[in-house]
Amino acid sequence: MTRKLLILGAGGHGQVLADILLCASFNNPHTIPIGYVDDVEVIRGQSRLGLPVLGKLSDLEIIEHDEIITGIGNNVIRSELFRMMQARQEVFAKAIHPNAVIPAGVNICEGTVICAGVIVNIGSTIGANVILNTACSVDHHNQIKDHAHIAPRAHLEGDVIIGEGVFVGIGATILPQCSAGNGVL
């Protein structure tokens, strides 16, 4: 049985997400992206990476789907949308690029996006609705809380704690056993 997955947002991050899902569907043909919903009026009916923009967010009820995932890069907007969809009891997918390196036993929660080239090491926990962006690394025994975003080529050394909604910028390095409190940029 094929599960239909709908991407919330057709902007830049939504398209990166679509690419991850399309690449992953070669290995897992049971879940396929069917398109986007986006509230930007002028793109409705257009296509991004071969997937149609099917409607706006309020059309979610009339678009047949099994799972959703949030394709919004902004932490605040992404977390608000995630909570709104949780309240609607939507089922969240995970998107993990096939070129990511993730050992067995790493806990990855619902709605999380893991891009190409990401490395996550043993003992780490990745919260819900997190973005691990292109080629970032999360070393051993890290805790990344919900709605965080680790930007491209950022590196977290061992035993790091990243709070809810934290944004770690491109190329940043977090030293071992350091923490970033909720909402920190």
Protein backbone atom coordinates (compact mmCIF):
# COMPACT_ATOMS: atom_id res chain seq x y z
CA MET A 1 0.00 0.00 0.00
CA THR A 2 1.41 3.38 -1.03
CA ARG A 3 1.19 6.25 1.46
CA LYS A 4 0.57 9.73 0.05
CA LEU A 5 2.71 12.45 1.58
CA LEU A 6 1.89 16.16 1.32
CA ILE A 7 4.51 18.91 1.80
CA LEU A 8 3.41 22.07 3.64
CA GLY A 9 5.22 24.90 1.84
CA ALA A 10 6.57 25.08 -1.72
CA GLY A 11 9.37 27.62 -1.15
CA GLY A 12 13.08 26.90 -0.98
CA HIS A 13 13.04 24.52 1.99
CA GLY A 14 9.89 22.81 0.71
CA GLN A 15 11.68 22.07 -2.57
CA VAL A 16 14.76 20.74 -0.75
CA LEU A 17 12.37 18.53 1.20
CA ALA A 18 10.70 17.34 -2.02
CA ASP A 19 14.11 16.39 -3.42
CA ILE A 20 14.91 14.38 -0.26
CA LEU A 21 11.56 12.59 -0.45
CA LEU A 22 11.95 11.84 -4.16
CA CYS A 23 15.47 10.46 -3.60
CA ALA A 24 14.26 8.40 -0.63
CA SER A 25 11.29 7.03 -2.62
CA PHE A 26 13.71 5.01 -4.77
CA ASN A 27 14.52 2.95 -1.65
CA ASN A 28 11.04 3.20 -0.12
CA PRO A 29 8.37 3.24 -2.84
CA HIS A 30 5.66 2.83 -0.18
CA THR A 31 5.69 6.55 0.68
CA ILE A 32 5.56 9.06 -2.16
CA PRO A 33 5.28 12.85 -2.17
CA ILE A 34 2.16 13.92 -4.06
CA GLY A 35 2.62 17.69 -3.99
CA TYR A 36 2.56 20.85 -1.92
CA VAL A 37 0.09 23.15 -0.23
CA ASP A 38 1.15 26.80 0.02
CA ASP A 39 -0.71 30.00 0.81
CA VAL A 40 1.16 32.03 -1.83
CA GLU A 41 -1.65 32.57 -4.38
CA VAL A 42 0.47 33.06 -7.53
CA ILE A 43 2.13 29.62 -7.39
CA ARG A 44 -1.06 27.56 -7.12
CA GLY A 45 -1.31 25.13 -10.01
CA GLN A 46 2.41 25.42 -10.75
CA SER A 47 4.90 22.61 -10.37
CA ARG A 48 8.10 22.42 -8.30
CA LEU A 49 10.48 19.50 -8.98
CA GLY A 50 7.69 17.78 -10.86
CA LEU A 51 5.25 18.00 -7.94
CA PRO A 52 2.16 20.21 -8.19
CA VAL A 53 1.14 22.98 -5.82
CA LEU A 54 -2.28 21.48 -5.05
CA GLY A 55 -3.84 24.31 -3.07
CA LYS A 56 -3.53 26.38 0.06
CA LEU A 57 -3.19 25.21 3.64
CA SER A 58 -6.95 25.47 4.25
CA ASP A 59 -7.44 22.98 1.37
CA LEU A 60 -5.71 20.25 3.39
CA GLU A 61 -9.07 18.74 4.35
CA ILE A 62 -10.05 18.12 0.73
CA ILE A 63 -6.69 16.86 -0.56
CA GLU A 64 -6.37 13.12 -0.10
CA HIS A 65 -3.19 12.33 1.85
CA ASP A 66 -1.88 9.96 4.52
CA GLU A 67 1.02 11.97 5.95
CA ILE A 68 2.38 15.50 5.98
CA ILE A 69 5.72 17.17 6.56
CA THR A 70 6.50 20.84 7.09
CA GLY A 71 8.65 22.42 4.37
CA ILE A 72 9.21 25.77 6.11
CA GLY A 73 12.72 26.84 7.14
CA ASN A 74 11.77 29.55 9.67
CA ASN A 75 11.73 27.93 13.13
CA VAL A 76 8.90 30.05 14.56
CA ILE A 77 6.55 29.57 11.60
CA ARG A 78 7.48 25.88 11.28
CA SER A 79 6.77 25.21 14.97
CA GLU A 80 3.42 27.07 14.87
CA LEU A 81 2.37 25.10 11.80
CA PHE A 82 3.52 21.84 13.38
CA ARG A 83 1.46 22.49 16.52
CA MET A 84 -1.56 23.46 14.44
CA MET A 85 -1.29 20.21 12.47
CA GLN A 86 -0.81 18.19 15.67
CA ALA A 87 -4.07 19.64 16.97
CA ARG A 88 -5.72 18.42 13.75
CA GLN A 89 -4.26 14.97 14.45
CA GLU A 90 -2.31 14.87 11.19
CA VAL A 91 0.29 12.11 10.79
CA PHE A 92 3.83 13.46 10.36
CA ALA A 93 6.43 11.82 8.17
CA LYS A 94 10.21 11.98 8.55
CA ALA A 95 12.38 12.87 5.56
CA ILE A 96 15.86 11.37 5.59
CA HIS A 97 18.11 11.72 2.55
CA PRO A 98 19.62 8.37 1.51
CA ASN A 99 23.11 9.93 1.66
CA ALA A 100 22.78 10.78 5.37
CA VAL A 101 24.84 8.66 7.77
CA ILE A 102 22.82 7.64 10.83
CA PRO A 103 23.72 4.62 12.96
CA ALA A 104 21.17 2.26 14.45
CA GLY A 105 19.79 3.43 17.77
CA VAL A 106 19.64 7.16 16.99
CA ASN A 107 16.17 8.37 17.97
CA ILE A 108 14.58 10.64 15.33
CA CYS A 109 11.14 12.07 16.11
CA GLU A 110 8.24 12.85 13.78
CA GLY A 111 8.38 15.63 11.22
CA THR A 112 12.17 15.83 11.18
CA VAL A 113 14.11 16.57 7.98
CA ILE A 114 17.64 15.25 7.50
CA CYS A 115 19.36 16.55 4.36
CA ALA A 116 22.09 15.13 2.11
CA GLY A 117 25.52 14.66 3.65
CA VAL A 118 24.36 14.87 7.28
CA ILE A 119 26.20 12.71 9.79
CA VAL A 120 24.59 11.86 13.13
CA ASN A 121 26.64 9.82 15.57
CA ILE A 122 25.73 7.23 18.20
CA GLY A 123 23.60 8.01 21.21
CA SER A 124 22.04 11.16 19.76
CA THR A 125 18.37 12.10 20.03
CA ILE A 126 16.73 14.32 17.42
CA GLY A 127 13.44 15.96 18.45
CA ALA A 128 10.29 16.56 16.42
CA ASN A 129 10.13 18.96 13.47
CA VAL A 130 13.91 19.49 13.43
CA ILE A 131 15.97 20.41 10.36
CA LEU A 132 19.46 18.91 10.07
CA ASN A 133 20.56 20.80 6.98
CA THR A 134 23.05 19.89 4.26
CA ALA A 135 26.34 18.38 5.45
CA CYS A 136 25.98 19.29 9.12
CA SER A 137 27.34 16.89 11.71
CA VAL A 138 25.88 15.90 15.06
CA ASP A 139 28.46 13.97 17.05
CA HIS A 140 27.91 11.41 19.79
CA HIS A 141 25.28 11.72 22.52
CA ASN A 142 23.79 15.03 21.41
CA GLN A 143 20.24 16.08 22.29
CA ILE A 144 18.49 18.29 19.77
CA LYS A 145 15.09 19.47 20.99
CA ASP A 146 11.95 20.09 18.91
CA HIS A 147 11.81 22.73 16.14
CA ALA A 148 15.58 23.36 16.08
CA HIS A 149 17.49 24.01 12.84
CA ILE A 150 21.13 23.06 12.41
CA ALA A 151 22.29 24.94 9.28
CA PRO A 152 24.53 23.62 6.48
CA ARG A 153 28.04 22.61 7.51
CA ALA A 154 27.44 23.38 11.20
CA HIS A 155 29.18 20.94 13.54
CA LEU A 156 28.11 19.86 17.00
CA GLU A 157 30.78 18.06 19.01
CA GLY A 158 29.96 15.41 21.65
CA ASP A 159 27.40 15.71 24.45
CA VAL A 160 25.86 18.95 23.15
CA ILE A 161 22.31 19.99 24.09
CA ILE A 162 20.39 22.16 21.62
CA GLY A 163 17.19 23.65 23.09
CA GLU A 164 13.77 23.95 21.49
CA GLY A 165 13.61 26.31 18.50
CA VAL A 166 17.38 26.96 18.43
CA PHE A 167 18.98 28.04 15.15
CA VAL A 168 22.64 27.10 14.74
CA GLY A 169 23.98 29.12 11.78
CA ILE A 170 25.88 28.00 8.73
CA GLY A 171 29.38 26.74 9.48
CA ALA A 172 29.06 27.18 13.26
CA THR A 173 30.88 24.86 15.64
CA ILE A 174 29.47 23.99 19.06
CA LEU A 175 32.15 22.75 21.45
CA PRO A 176 31.71 19.55 23.49
CA GLN A 177 29.37 19.51 26.47
CA CYS A 178 27.93 22.96 25.66
CA SER A 179 24.26 23.88 25.59
CA ALA A 180 22.13 26.37 23.67
CA GLY A 181 18.95 27.33 25.55
CA ASN A 182 15.48 27.45 24.00
CA GLY A 183 15.05 29.93 21.16
CA VAL A 184 18.73 30.92 20.93
CA LEU A 185 20.10 32.02 17.56
